[in-house]
């Protein structure tokens, strides 16, 4: 049997024209999608650039490299020679009174606990400990950024000093300086602690004890 059909020239031409129109329409739709997608990508890239160029928050400074840091002096990391920690001040005092070697030790109240320390160093190796004594190194951070209100604005510098002579210079007043009451008190404290000991580790300890408790401007945390 013969299944072939005969089509006229007009029918064939119409079919070809119809195919061309469909092809043009498909190309136009694809082009519109590509343009729309590129436009969204550019908007997202612009948004990202705006975010990354925002200025730092108030009180922060942006260095040439690395993350933003606080404008205030950062806390100073120190290491203490710790003999024990107690839940009450009385038990801490009893412990100290029973050991003559702790005559220059200090008791610091930190977060409701009472720590018995006998030395404070800038580096871990400065602190000598032993199993016999039952001592160990206790790392901590001391923040003295608010001590300028008490005339002790140079306390952080004193705590980080490695030469006794430079600390003693602070006990004198130059002719060009105007002495105020708070600064005079700070000099008095420096003079007292340097007369008490010439060991920088003990000087740091006693100054920390004084400005943590009496004045309360030093904040210690672990």
Protein backbone atom coordinates (compact mmCIF):
# COMPACT_ATOMS: atom_id res chain seq x y z
CA UNK A 1 0.00 0.00 0.00
CA UNK A 2 1.16 3.56 -0.71
CA UNK A 3 1.13 5.80 2.44
CA UNK A 4 2.90 8.84 0.91
CA UNK A 5 0.95 12.05 0.73
CA UNK A 6 1.44 14.84 -1.71
CA UNK A 7 1.80 18.40 -0.30
CA UNK A 8 1.45 21.56 -2.29
CA UNK A 9 4.30 24.09 -2.59
CA UNK A 10 2.28 26.62 -0.55
CA UNK A 11 1.94 24.20 2.34
CA UNK A 12 5.69 23.50 2.39
CA UNK A 13 6.53 27.22 2.29
CA UNK A 14 4.19 27.97 5.19
CA UNK A 15 5.74 25.23 7.25
CA UNK A 16 9.23 26.56 6.63
CA UNK A 17 8.16 30.14 7.54
CA UNK A 18 6.54 28.88 10.73
CA UNK A 19 9.79 27.13 11.73
CA UNK A 20 11.85 30.27 11.15
CA UNK A 21 9.49 32.38 13.31
CA UNK A 22 9.69 29.88 16.17
CA UNK A 23 13.52 29.85 15.95
CA UNK A 24 13.74 33.65 16.09
CA UNK A 25 11.37 33.77 19.09
CA UNK A 26 13.45 31.16 20.96
CA UNK A 27 16.67 33.09 20.39
CA UNK A 28 15.04 36.31 21.63
CA UNK A 29 13.82 34.62 24.84
CA UNK A 30 17.23 33.11 25.60
CA UNK A 31 18.93 36.47 25.00
CA UNK A 32 16.54 38.22 27.40
CA UNK A 33 17.26 35.64 30.13
CA UNK A 34 21.05 36.06 29.74
CA UNK A 35 20.81 39.88 29.93
CA UNK A 36 18.59 39.69 33.02
CA UNK A 37 20.98 37.28 34.76
CA UNK A 38 24.03 39.46 34.06
CA UNK A 39 22.25 42.49 35.43
CA UNK A 40 21.44 40.71 38.73
CA UNK A 41 25.06 39.58 39.08
CA UNK A 42 26.30 43.14 38.69
CA UNK A 43 23.86 44.39 41.34
CA UNK A 44 25.07 41.74 43.80
CA UNK A 45 28.70 42.59 43.12
CA UNK A 46 27.96 46.30 43.71
CA UNK A 47 26.23 45.53 47.00
CA UNK A 48 29.29 43.55 48.15
CA UNK A 49 31.62 46.42 47.36
CA UNK A 50 29.49 48.85 49.37
CA UNK A 51 29.54 46.57 52.40
CA UNK A 52 33.30 46.05 52.41
CA UNK A 53 34.03 49.76 52.15
CA UNK A 54 31.94 50.75 55.17
CA UNK A 55 33.98 52.64 57.86
CA UNK A 56 34.82 50.78 61.12
CA UNK A 57 32.54 51.12 64.12
CA UNK A 58 33.06 53.92 66.63
CA UNK A 59 36.02 53.32 68.95
CA UNK A 60 37.75 50.98 66.53
CA UNK A 61 40.77 51.64 64.31
CA UNK A 62 41.69 49.82 61.12
CA UNK A 63 45.42 49.02 60.73
CA UNK A 64 47.11 48.72 57.34
CA UNK A 65 46.71 44.94 57.62
CA UNK A 66 44.81 42.58 59.88
CA UNK A 67 41.49 43.03 61.73
CA UNK A 68 40.26 46.20 63.39
CA UNK A 69 41.51 46.73 66.95
CA UNK A 70 40.20 48.73 69.88
CA UNK A 71 41.45 52.30 70.29
CA UNK A 72 42.00 51.60 74.01
CA UNK A 73 45.15 49.96 75.32
CA UNK A 74 44.73 46.18 75.00
CA UNK A 75 44.91 44.07 78.17
CA UNK A 76 48.41 43.05 79.22
CA UNK A 77 49.08 39.30 79.43
CA UNK A 78 51.02 38.32 82.52
CA UNK A 79 51.96 35.16 84.44
CA UNK A 80 51.59 34.71 88.19
CA UNK A 81 53.21 32.27 90.59
CA UNK A 82 50.15 30.80 92.24
CA UNK A 83 50.22 29.02 95.60
CA UNK A 84 46.52 28.39 95.98
CA UNK A 85 42.98 29.65 95.48
CA UNK A 86 40.44 29.91 98.30
CA UNK A 87 36.74 30.58 98.64
CA UNK A 88 37.12 33.07 101.52
CA UNK A 89 39.59 35.82 102.38
CA UNK A 90 40.12 34.38 105.88
CA UNK A 91 41.29 30.98 104.63
CA UNK A 92 43.64 32.70 102.18
CA UNK A 93 45.11 34.86 104.99
CA UNK A 94 45.50 31.81 107.22
CA UNK A 95 47.37 30.01 104.47
CA UNK A 96 49.77 32.95 103.96
CA UNK A 97 50.39 33.45 107.69
CA UNK A 98 51.51 29.85 108.10
CA UNK A 99 54.30 30.13 105.50
CA UNK A 100 57.15 32.58 106.18
CA UNK A 101 58.27 32.42 102.54
CA UNK A 102 55.03 34.18 101.58
CA UNK A 103 55.85 37.39 103.46
CA UNK A 104 55.79 39.35 100.19
CA UNK A 105 52.87 37.47 98.65
CA UNK A 106 49.54 39.11 97.88
CA UNK A 107 45.95 37.93 97.99
CA UNK A 108 43.87 39.04 95.02
CA UNK A 109 40.12 38.69 94.91
CA UNK A 110 39.05 37.81 91.38
CA UNK A 111 35.50 36.83 90.50
CA UNK A 112 34.68 35.91 94.08
CA UNK A 113 37.76 33.71 94.58
CA UNK A 114 40.90 34.60 96.56
CA UNK A 115 44.19 33.87 94.81
CA UNK A 116 47.53 33.71 96.64
CA UNK A 117 50.30 34.92 94.31
CA UNK A 118 53.94 35.62 95.13
CA UNK A 119 55.29 36.92 91.79
CA UNK A 120 54.11 38.26 88.44
CA UNK A 121 56.18 38.01 85.25
CA UNK A 122 55.89 39.23 81.69
CA UNK A 123 56.93 35.85 80.33
CA UNK A 124 56.13 32.34 81.44
CA UNK A 125 59.79 31.43 81.95
CA UNK A 126 60.20 34.23 84.52
CA UNK A 127 58.07 32.29 86.99
CA UNK A 128 59.80 29.43 88.77
CA UNK A 129 57.47 26.75 90.13
CA UNK A 130 57.92 23.36 91.78
CA UNK A 131 55.86 20.37 92.76
CA UNK A 132 57.40 20.53 96.23
CA UNK A 133 55.94 23.99 96.83
CA UNK A 134 52.71 23.03 95.15
CA UNK A 135 52.96 26.09 92.91
CA UNK A 136 52.19 26.60 89.24
CA UNK A 137 52.06 29.34 86.62
CA UNK A 138 48.76 31.12 86.23
CA UNK A 139 48.35 33.11 82.98
CA UNK A 140 45.99 36.09 83.14
CA UNK A 141 45.14 39.43 81.56
CA UNK A 142 45.29 42.79 83.35
CA UNK A 143 43.34 45.70 81.88
CA UNK A 144 44.45 49.06 83.30
CA UNK A 145 42.87 51.25 80.59
CA UNK A 146 40.69 53.15 83.12
CA UNK A 147 43.49 53.86 85.59
CA UNK A 148 44.18 57.26 84.00
CA UNK A 149 41.18 58.52 85.97
CA UNK A 150 43.12 57.71 89.16
CA UNK A 151 46.31 59.42 87.99
CA UNK A 152 47.82 56.03 87.17
CA UNK A 153 47.72 56.37 83.40
CA UNK A 154 51.28 54.99 83.17
CA UNK A 155 50.47 51.85 85.16
CA UNK A 156 50.46 49.60 82.08
CA UNK A 157 53.92 50.93 81.15
CA UNK A 158 55.18 50.24 84.68
CA UNK A 159 53.79 46.70 84.64
CA UNK A 160 55.49 45.96 81.32
CA UNK A 161 58.82 47.61 82.25
CA UNK A 162 61.95 45.47 82.44
CA UNK A 163 64.29 47.99 84.08
CA UNK A 164 63.89 49.13 87.67
CA UNK A 165 65.63 52.45 87.02
CA UNK A 166 62.97 53.48 84.52
CA UNK A 167 60.24 52.78 87.07
CA UNK A 168 62.00 54.83 89.73
CA UNK A 169 62.15 57.81 87.38
CA UNK A 170 58.38 58.08 87.80
CA UNK A 171 58.83 58.90 91.49
CA UNK A 172 60.43 62.27 90.64
CA UNK A 173 58.77 65.40 89.35
CA UNK A 174 60.47 67.55 86.73
CA UNK A 175 60.35 71.33 86.94
CA UNK A 176 58.21 71.48 83.80
CA UNK A 177 55.51 69.24 85.27
CA UNK A 178 52.55 70.37 87.26
CA UNK A 179 51.86 67.95 90.08
CA UNK A 180 48.23 67.18 90.84
CA UNK A 181 46.88 65.22 93.78
CA UNK A 182 46.10 62.02 91.87
CA UNK A 183 49.45 61.92 90.11
CA UNK A 184 51.21 62.60 93.41
CA UNK A 185 49.44 59.57 94.90
CA UNK A 186 50.60 57.40 92.01
CA UNK A 187 54.21 58.53 92.52
CA UNK A 188 53.87 57.80 96.22
CA UNK A 189 52.72 54.25 95.47
CA UNK A 190 55.61 53.69 93.06
CA UNK A 191 58.09 54.93 95.66
CA UNK A 192 56.60 52.66 98.34
CA UNK A 193 56.62 49.49 96.24
CA UNK A 194 60.16 50.04 94.90
CA UNK A 195 61.34 50.55 98.50
CA UNK A 196 59.54 47.34 99.51
CA UNK A 197 61.33 45.25 96.87
CA UNK A 198 63.69 45.63 93.93
CA UNK A 199 62.33 42.47 92.30
CA UNK A 200 60.24 43.53 89.30
CA UNK A 201 58.04 40.45 89.69
CA UNK A 202 57.07 41.52 93.22
CA UNK A 203 56.68 45.16 92.19
CA UNK A 204 54.18 44.13 89.52
CA UNK A 205 52.36 41.93 92.00
CA UNK A 206 52.02 44.63 94.66
CA UNK A 207 50.89 47.28 92.17
CA UNK A 208 48.30 44.89 90.74
CA UNK A 209 47.05 44.10 94.22
CA UNK A 210 46.73 47.78 95.11
CA UNK A 211 45.04 48.93 91.92
CA UNK A 212 42.77 45.90 91.77
CA UNK A 213 41.42 46.31 95.30
CA UNK A 214 41.84 49.83 96.69
CA UNK A 215 41.29 51.81 93.50
CA UNK A 216 39.59 49.10 91.49
CA UNK A 217 40.79 50.41 88.13
CA UNK A 218 42.61 47.22 87.11
CA UNK A 219 40.39 44.43 85.82
CA UNK A 220 41.87 40.91 85.88
CA UNK A 221 40.46 38.00 83.94
CA UNK A 222 41.67 34.62 82.75
